[in-house]
Amino acid sequence: MVVTAVIVVVVLLAGIIGSVVLLLQPSTPTDKIRDIFIIFMAVESLLIGLVLVILIVQLAQLINLLQNEIKPILNSTNETVNTLRGTVVFLSDNLTEPVMRLNEFLAAFSQLREMLGFSKRK
């Protein structure tokens, strides 16, 4: 692909250089210059059309990638986040709250012991 592109560029440069050399001849009429300019414009239009076709193909491939590969990954990630959210709620209800209640009870019991004089503060 790269070799083909280099060959096309070299051929275009050779054509441009040859055209400039021929146009610099003193006997060149202006209608030849006009015709050569029209030919260059036609070649440029063809190249722009080819590039647009390549762009449309690349855009179609990008849309296909987004629909068939990225969207399922996002759906899977969303399911994982929902499962994780459920796990966090379960752990909060069954582990964190009982431990907090136990700490509250132990703190209250410690304060009661201090108030009754069974515990000495340093």
N, C-alpha and C. Protein backbone atom coordinates (compact mmCIF):
# COMPACT_ATOMS: atom_id res chain seq x y z
N MET A 1 0.82 -1.19 0.00
CA MET A 1 0.00 0.00 0.00
C MET A 1 0.87 1.26 0.00
N VAL A 2 1.90 1.25 0.86
CA VAL A 2 2.80 2.40 0.94
C VAL A 2 3.59 2.53 -0.36
N VAL A 3 4.02 1.41 -0.91
CA VAL A 3 4.79 1.44 -2.15
C VAL A 3 3.93 2.01 -3.27
N THR A 4 2.67 1.60 -3.33
CA THR A 4 1.76 2.11 -4.36
C THR A 4 1.56 3.61 -4.21
N ALA A 5 1.40 4.07 -2.97
CA ALA A 5 1.22 5.51 -2.74
C ALA A 5 2.47 6.28 -3.17
N VAL A 6 3.64 5.75 -2.88
CA VAL A 6 4.89 6.42 -3.27
C VAL A 6 5.00 6.47 -4.79
N ILE A 7 4.64 5.40 -5.46
CA ILE A 7 4.70 5.36 -6.93
C ILE A 7 3.74 6.39 -7.52
N VAL A 8 2.53 6.49 -6.97
CA VAL A 8 1.55 7.47 -7.47
C VAL A 8 2.07 8.88 -7.27
N VAL A 9 2.66 9.16 -6.13
CA VAL A 9 3.19 10.50 -5.86
C VAL A 9 4.34 10.82 -6.82
N VAL A 10 5.21 9.86 -7.06
CA VAL A 10 6.34 10.09 -7.98
C VAL A 10 5.83 10.35 -9.39
N VAL A 11 4.82 9.59 -9.83
CA VAL A 11 4.27 9.80 -11.18
C VAL A 11 3.63 11.18 -11.28
N LEU A 12 2.89 11.58 -10.24
CA LEU A 12 2.27 12.91 -10.25
C LEU A 12 3.33 14.01 -10.28
N LEU A 13 4.37 13.87 -9.48
CA LEU A 13 5.44 14.87 -9.49
C LEU A 13 6.14 14.94 -10.85
N ALA A 14 6.36 13.78 -11.45
CA ALA A 14 7.00 13.75 -12.78
C ALA A 14 6.10 14.44 -13.80
N GLY A 15 4.79 14.21 -13.71
CA GLY A 15 3.85 14.87 -14.63
C GLY A 15 3.84 16.37 -14.43
N ILE A 16 3.88 16.81 -13.19
CA ILE A 16 3.88 18.25 -12.91
C ILE A 16 5.17 18.89 -13.43
N ILE A 17 6.30 18.25 -13.16
CA ILE A 17 7.58 18.80 -13.61
C ILE A 17 7.64 18.84 -15.15
N GLY A 18 7.16 17.77 -15.78
CA GLY A 18 7.13 17.75 -17.25
C GLY A 18 6.22 18.83 -17.81
N SER A 19 5.09 19.04 -17.18
CA SER A 19 4.16 20.08 -17.64
C SER A 19 4.77 21.46 -17.49
N VAL A 20 5.43 21.70 -16.38
CA VAL A 20 6.06 23.01 -16.17
C VAL A 20 7.14 23.25 -17.20
N VAL A 21 7.94 22.23 -17.50
CA VAL A 21 9.01 22.39 -18.50
C VAL A 21 8.40 22.69 -19.87
N LEU A 22 7.33 21.98 -20.24
CA LEU A 22 6.70 22.23 -21.54
C LEU A 22 6.03 23.59 -21.59
N LEU A 23 5.47 24.03 -20.47
CA LEU A 23 4.80 25.33 -20.45
C LEU A 23 5.78 26.50 -20.50
N LEU A 24 7.00 26.28 -20.10
CA LEU A 24 7.99 27.35 -20.11
C LEU A 24 8.60 27.58 -21.50
N GLN A 25 8.26 26.75 -22.45
CA GLN A 25 8.74 26.95 -23.83
C GLN A 25 8.09 28.23 -24.38
N PRO A 26 8.84 29.04 -25.12
CA PRO A 26 8.31 30.32 -25.60
C PRO A 26 7.15 30.19 -26.59
N SER A 27 7.02 29.10 -27.26
CA SER A 27 5.97 28.97 -28.28
C SER A 27 4.69 28.32 -27.73
N THR A 28 4.54 28.20 -26.42
CA THR A 28 3.38 27.54 -25.83
C THR A 28 2.19 28.50 -25.81
N PRO A 29 1.09 28.11 -26.43
CA PRO A 29 -0.10 28.96 -26.40
C PRO A 29 -0.87 28.77 -25.08
N THR A 30 -1.68 29.73 -24.75
CA THR A 30 -2.41 29.69 -23.48
C THR A 30 -3.50 28.63 -23.44
N ASP A 31 -4.03 28.21 -24.59
CA ASP A 31 -5.07 27.17 -24.57
C ASP A 31 -4.52 25.84 -24.08
N LYS A 32 -3.23 25.59 -24.33
CA LYS A 32 -2.62 24.37 -23.79
C LYS A 32 -2.52 24.45 -22.27
N ILE A 33 -2.19 25.61 -21.76
CA ILE A 33 -2.12 25.79 -20.30
C ILE A 33 -3.49 25.54 -19.68
N ARG A 34 -4.53 26.09 -20.32
CA ARG A 34 -5.89 25.89 -19.83
C ARG A 34 -6.26 24.41 -19.83
N ASP A 35 -5.93 23.71 -20.92
CA ASP A 35 -6.26 22.28 -21.02
C ASP A 35 -5.54 21.46 -19.96
N ILE A 36 -4.27 21.76 -19.74
CA ILE A 36 -3.51 21.04 -18.72
C ILE A 36 -4.08 21.32 -17.34
N PHE A 37 -4.45 22.55 -17.07
CA PHE A 37 -5.06 22.90 -15.78
C PHE A 37 -6.37 22.14 -15.58
N ILE A 38 -7.17 22.03 -16.62
CA ILE A 38 -8.44 21.28 -16.53
C ILE A 38 -8.17 19.81 -16.24
N ILE A 39 -7.14 19.26 -16.87
CA ILE A 39 -6.79 17.86 -16.61
C ILE A 39 -6.36 17.68 -15.16
N PHE A 40 -5.54 18.59 -14.63
CA PHE A 40 -5.14 18.50 -13.23
C PHE A 40 -6.34 18.59 -12.29
N MET A 41 -7.28 19.47 -12.60
CA MET A 41 -8.48 19.59 -11.77
C MET A 41 -9.31 18.30 -11.80
N ALA A 42 -9.38 17.64 -12.95
CA ALA A 42 -10.13 16.39 -13.06
C ALA A 42 -9.46 15.29 -12.23
N VAL A 43 -8.13 15.22 -12.32
CA VAL A 43 -7.40 14.23 -11.52
C VAL A 43 -7.60 14.51 -10.03
N GLU A 44 -7.56 15.76 -9.64
CA GLU A 44 -7.77 16.11 -8.24
C GLU A 44 -9.18 15.73 -7.78
N SER A 45 -10.17 15.95 -8.63
CA SER A 45 -11.54 15.55 -8.28
C SER A 45 -11.66 14.05 -8.10
N LEU A 46 -10.98 13.29 -8.97
CA LEU A 46 -10.99 11.83 -8.82
C LEU A 46 -10.34 11.40 -7.51
N LEU A 47 -9.23 12.02 -7.16
CA LEU A 47 -8.56 11.68 -5.90
C LEU A 47 -9.43 12.03 -4.69
N ILE A 48 -10.09 13.18 -4.74
CA ILE A 48 -10.97 13.56 -3.63
C ILE A 48 -12.13 12.57 -3.52
N GLY A 49 -12.69 12.16 -4.64
CA GLY A 49 -13.76 11.16 -4.62
C GLY A 49 -13.29 9.84 -4.03
N LEU A 50 -12.08 9.41 -4.39
CA LEU A 50 -11.53 8.18 -3.84
C LEU A 50 -11.33 8.28 -2.33
N VAL A 51 -10.83 9.42 -1.89
CA VAL A 51 -10.63 9.62 -0.45
C VAL A 51 -11.97 9.63 0.28
N LEU A 52 -13.00 10.22 -0.30
CA LEU A 52 -14.33 10.22 0.32
C LEU A 52 -14.89 8.80 0.43
N VAL A 53 -14.67 7.98 -0.59
CA VAL A 53 -15.13 6.59 -0.52
C VAL A 53 -14.41 5.86 0.61
N ILE A 54 -13.11 6.06 0.73
CA ILE A 54 -12.35 5.43 1.82
C ILE A 54 -12.86 5.92 3.16
N LEU A 55 -13.17 7.20 3.28
CA LEU A 55 -13.71 7.76 4.52
C LEU A 55 -15.05 7.14 4.88
N ILE A 56 -15.90 6.95 3.89
CA ILE A 56 -17.22 6.34 4.15
C ILE A 56 -17.05 4.89 4.61
N VAL A 57 -16.14 4.16 4.00
CA VAL A 57 -15.89 2.77 4.42
C VAL A 57 -15.37 2.73 5.85
N GLN A 58 -14.46 3.61 6.19
CA GLN A 58 -13.92 3.66 7.55
C GLN A 58 -15.01 4.02 8.56
N LEU A 59 -15.89 4.93 8.19
CA LEU A 59 -17.00 5.31 9.06
C LEU A 59 -17.95 4.14 9.28
N ALA A 60 -18.21 3.37 8.23
CA ALA A 60 -19.06 2.18 8.36
C ALA A 60 -18.41 1.16 9.28
N GLN A 61 -17.11 0.99 9.18
CA GLN A 61 -16.41 0.05 10.07
C GLN A 61 -16.47 0.53 11.52
N LEU A 62 -16.35 1.84 11.75
CA LEU A 62 -16.44 2.38 13.10
C LEU A 62 -17.83 2.16 13.69
N ILE A 63 -18.86 2.39 12.90
CA ILE A 63 -20.23 2.16 13.38
C ILE A 63 -20.43 0.69 13.70
N ASN A 64 -19.93 -0.19 12.87
CA ASN A 64 -20.03 -1.63 13.13
C ASN A 64 -19.32 -2.00 14.42
N LEU A 65 -18.14 -1.43 14.64
CA LEU A 65 -17.39 -1.69 15.87
C LEU A 65 -18.18 -1.23 17.09
N LEU A 66 -18.75 -0.05 17.02
CA LEU A 66 -19.51 0.48 18.15
C LEU A 66 -20.74 -0.37 18.45
N GLN A 67 -21.44 -0.81 17.42
CA GLN A 67 -22.67 -1.57 17.63
C GLN A 67 -22.40 -3.00 18.09
N ASN A 68 -21.41 -3.64 17.53
CA ASN A 68 -21.23 -5.07 17.76
C ASN A 68 -20.18 -5.42 18.81
N GLU A 69 -19.31 -4.49 19.17
CA GLU A 69 -18.27 -4.83 20.14
C GLU A 69 -18.31 -3.94 21.37
N ILE A 70 -18.44 -2.66 21.20
CA ILE A 70 -18.41 -1.75 22.35
C ILE A 70 -19.70 -1.81 23.14
N LYS A 71 -20.84 -1.86 22.47
CA LYS A 71 -22.14 -1.88 23.16
C LYS A 71 -22.28 -3.11 24.07
N PRO A 72 -21.92 -4.33 23.63
CA PRO A 72 -22.00 -5.46 24.56
C PRO A 72 -21.06 -5.32 25.76
N ILE A 73 -19.89 -4.72 25.54
CA ILE A 73 -18.96 -4.51 26.65
C ILE A 73 -19.58 -3.55 27.67
N LEU A 74 -20.21 -2.49 27.19
CA LEU A 74 -20.87 -1.55 28.10
C LEU A 74 -22.03 -2.20 28.84
N ASN A 75 -22.80 -3.03 28.15
CA ASN A 75 -23.89 -3.73 28.82
C ASN A 75 -23.36 -4.67 29.91
N SER A 76 -22.30 -5.38 29.62
CA SER A 76 -21.70 -6.27 30.60
C SER A 76 -21.17 -5.49 31.80
N THR A 77 -20.56 -4.35 31.55
CA THR A 77 -20.05 -3.51 32.64
C THR A 77 -21.20 -3.00 33.49
N ASN A 78 -22.30 -2.63 32.86
CA ASN A 78 -23.47 -2.16 33.60
C ASN A 78 -24.03 -3.26 34.50
N GLU A 79 -24.09 -4.49 33.99
CA GLU A 79 -24.56 -5.62 34.80
C GLU A 79 -23.62 -5.85 35.98
N THR A 80 -22.32 -5.75 35.76
CA THR A 80 -21.35 -5.94 36.83
C THR A 80 -21.51 -4.88 37.91
N VAL A 81 -21.72 -3.64 37.51
CA VAL A 81 -21.91 -2.55 38.48
C VAL A 81 -23.18 -2.78 39.29
N ASN A 82 -24.25 -3.22 38.64
CA ASN A 82 -25.49 -3.51 39.37
C ASN A 82 -25.30 -4.65 40.37
N THR A 83 -24.56 -5.69 39.98
CA THR A 83 -24.28 -6.79 40.90
C THR A 83 -23.45 -6.31 42.08
N LEU A 84 -22.46 -5.47 41.80
CA LEU A 84 -21.62 -4.92 42.87
C LEU A 84 -22.44 -4.06 43.81
N ARG A 85 -23.36 -3.29 43.26
CA ARG A 85 -24.22 -2.45 44.10
C ARG A 85 -25.06 -3.33 45.04
N GLY A 86 -25.59 -4.43 44.52
CA GLY A 86 -26.35 -5.36 45.35
C GLY A 86 -25.49 -5.99 46.44
N THR A 87 -24.25 -6.32 46.10
CA THR A 87 -23.34 -6.90 47.09
C THR A 87 -23.03 -5.90 48.20
N VAL A 88 -22.83 -4.65 47.84
CA VAL A 88 -22.54 -3.62 48.84
C VAL A 88 -23.72 -3.43 49.78
N VAL A 89 -24.93 -3.43 49.24
CA VAL A 89 -26.12 -3.29 50.09
C VAL A 89 -26.25 -4.48 51.02
N PHE A 90 -25.99 -5.69 50.50
CA PHE A 90 -26.07 -6.89 51.33
C PHE A 90 -25.06 -6.83 52.46
N LEU A 91 -23.80 -6.47 52.14
CA LEU A 91 -22.78 -6.38 53.18
C LEU A 91 -23.10 -5.29 54.19
N SER A 92 -23.66 -4.20 53.75
CA SER A 92 -24.03 -3.12 54.66
C SER A 92 -25.11 -3.58 55.62
N ASP A 93 -26.10 -4.28 55.11
CA ASP A 93 -27.21 -4.73 55.95
C ASP A 93 -26.79 -5.85 56.90
N ASN A 94 -25.97 -6.78 56.46
CA ASN A 94 -25.69 -7.99 57.24
C ASN A 94 -24.35 -7.97 57.97
N LEU A 95 -23.48 -7.04 57.68
CA LEU A 95 -22.18 -7.04 58.35
C LEU A 95 -21.90 -5.71 59.04
N THR A 96 -22.02 -4.63 58.33
CA THR A 96 -21.63 -3.33 58.88
C THR A 96 -22.56 -2.88 59.99
N GLU A 97 -23.87 -2.96 59.76
CA GLU A 97 -24.82 -2.51 60.78
C GLU A 97 -24.72 -3.31 62.09
N PRO A 98 -24.63 -4.65 62.06
CA PRO A 98 -24.47 -5.37 63.32
C PRO A 98 -23.18 -5.02 64.07
N VAL A 99 -22.09 -4.81 63.33
CA VAL A 99 -20.82 -4.45 63.97
C VAL A 99 -20.95 -3.07 64.61
N MET A 100 -21.62 -2.15 63.92
CA MET A 100 -21.81 -0.81 64.50
C MET A 100 -22.68 -0.88 65.74
N ARG A 101 -23.72 -1.70 65.72
CA ARG A 101 -24.58 -1.84 66.90
C ARG A 101 -23.79 -2.43 68.08
N LEU A 102 -22.92 -3.42 67.79
CA LEU A 102 -22.10 -4.02 68.83
C LEU A 102 -21.15 -2.99 69.43
N ASN A 103 -20.52 -2.15 68.56
CA ASN A 103 -19.63 -1.10 69.06
C ASN A 103 -20.39 -0.09 69.93
N GLU A 104 -21.61 0.25 69.51
CA GLU A 104 -22.43 1.17 70.32
C GLU A 104 -22.71 0.55 71.69
N PHE A 105 -23.08 -0.73 71.69
CA PHE A 105 -23.39 -1.42 72.95
C PHE A 105 -22.16 -1.47 73.85
N LEU A 106 -20.99 -1.79 73.27
CA LEU A 106 -19.77 -1.87 74.08
C LEU A 106 -19.36 -0.50 74.62
N ALA A 107 -19.54 0.55 73.82
CA ALA A 107 -19.23 1.90 74.30
C ALA A 107 -20.16 2.30 75.43
N ALA A 108 -21.45 1.97 75.30
CA ALA A 108 -22.42 2.29 76.36
C ALA A 108 -22.10 1.49 77.62
N PHE A 109 -21.73 0.23 77.46
CA PHE A 109 -21.39 -0.62 78.61
C PHE A 109 -20.14 -0.08 79.31
N SER A 110 -19.15 0.39 78.51
CA SER A 110 -17.94 0.96 79.08
C SER A 110 -18.26 2.22 79.87
N GLN A 111 -19.11 3.07 79.34
CA GLN A 111 -19.51 4.28 80.05
C GLN A 111 -20.26 3.94 81.33
N LEU A 112 -21.10 2.93 81.29
CA LEU A 112 -21.85 2.51 82.48
C LEU A 112 -20.89 2.01 83.56
N ARG A 113 -19.88 1.25 83.17
CA ARG A 113 -18.90 0.76 84.14
C ARG A 113 -18.15 1.91 84.78
N GLU A 114 -17.80 2.92 83.98
CA GLU A 114 -17.10 4.09 84.53
C GLU A 114 -18.00 4.86 85.50
N MET A 115 -19.27 4.97 85.13
CA MET A 115 -20.20 5.71 86.02
C MET A 115 -20.42 4.97 87.33
N LEU A 116 -20.44 3.65 87.28
CA LEU A 116 -20.65 2.88 88.50
C LEU A 116 -19.37 2.68 89.30
N GLY A 117 -18.23 3.03 88.72
CA GLY A 117 -16.97 2.96 89.44
C GLY A 117 -16.26 1.64 89.29
N PHE A 118 -16.66 0.77 88.42
CA PHE A 118 -15.97 -0.51 88.25
C PHE A 118 -14.71 -0.38 87.41
N SER A 119 -14.57 0.71 86.72
CA SER A 119 -13.42 0.90 85.85
C SER A 119 -12.69 2.16 86.29
N LYS A 120 -11.36 2.09 86.29
CA LYS A 120 -10.55 3.24 86.68
C LYS A 120 -9.97 3.87 85.45
N ARG A 121 -10.05 5.19 85.40
CA ARG A 121 -9.43 5.94 84.29
C ARG A 121 -8.03 6.34 84.68
N LYS A 122 -7.14 6.37 83.77
CA LYS A 122 -5.75 6.75 84.05
C LYS A 122 -5.52 8.18 83.76
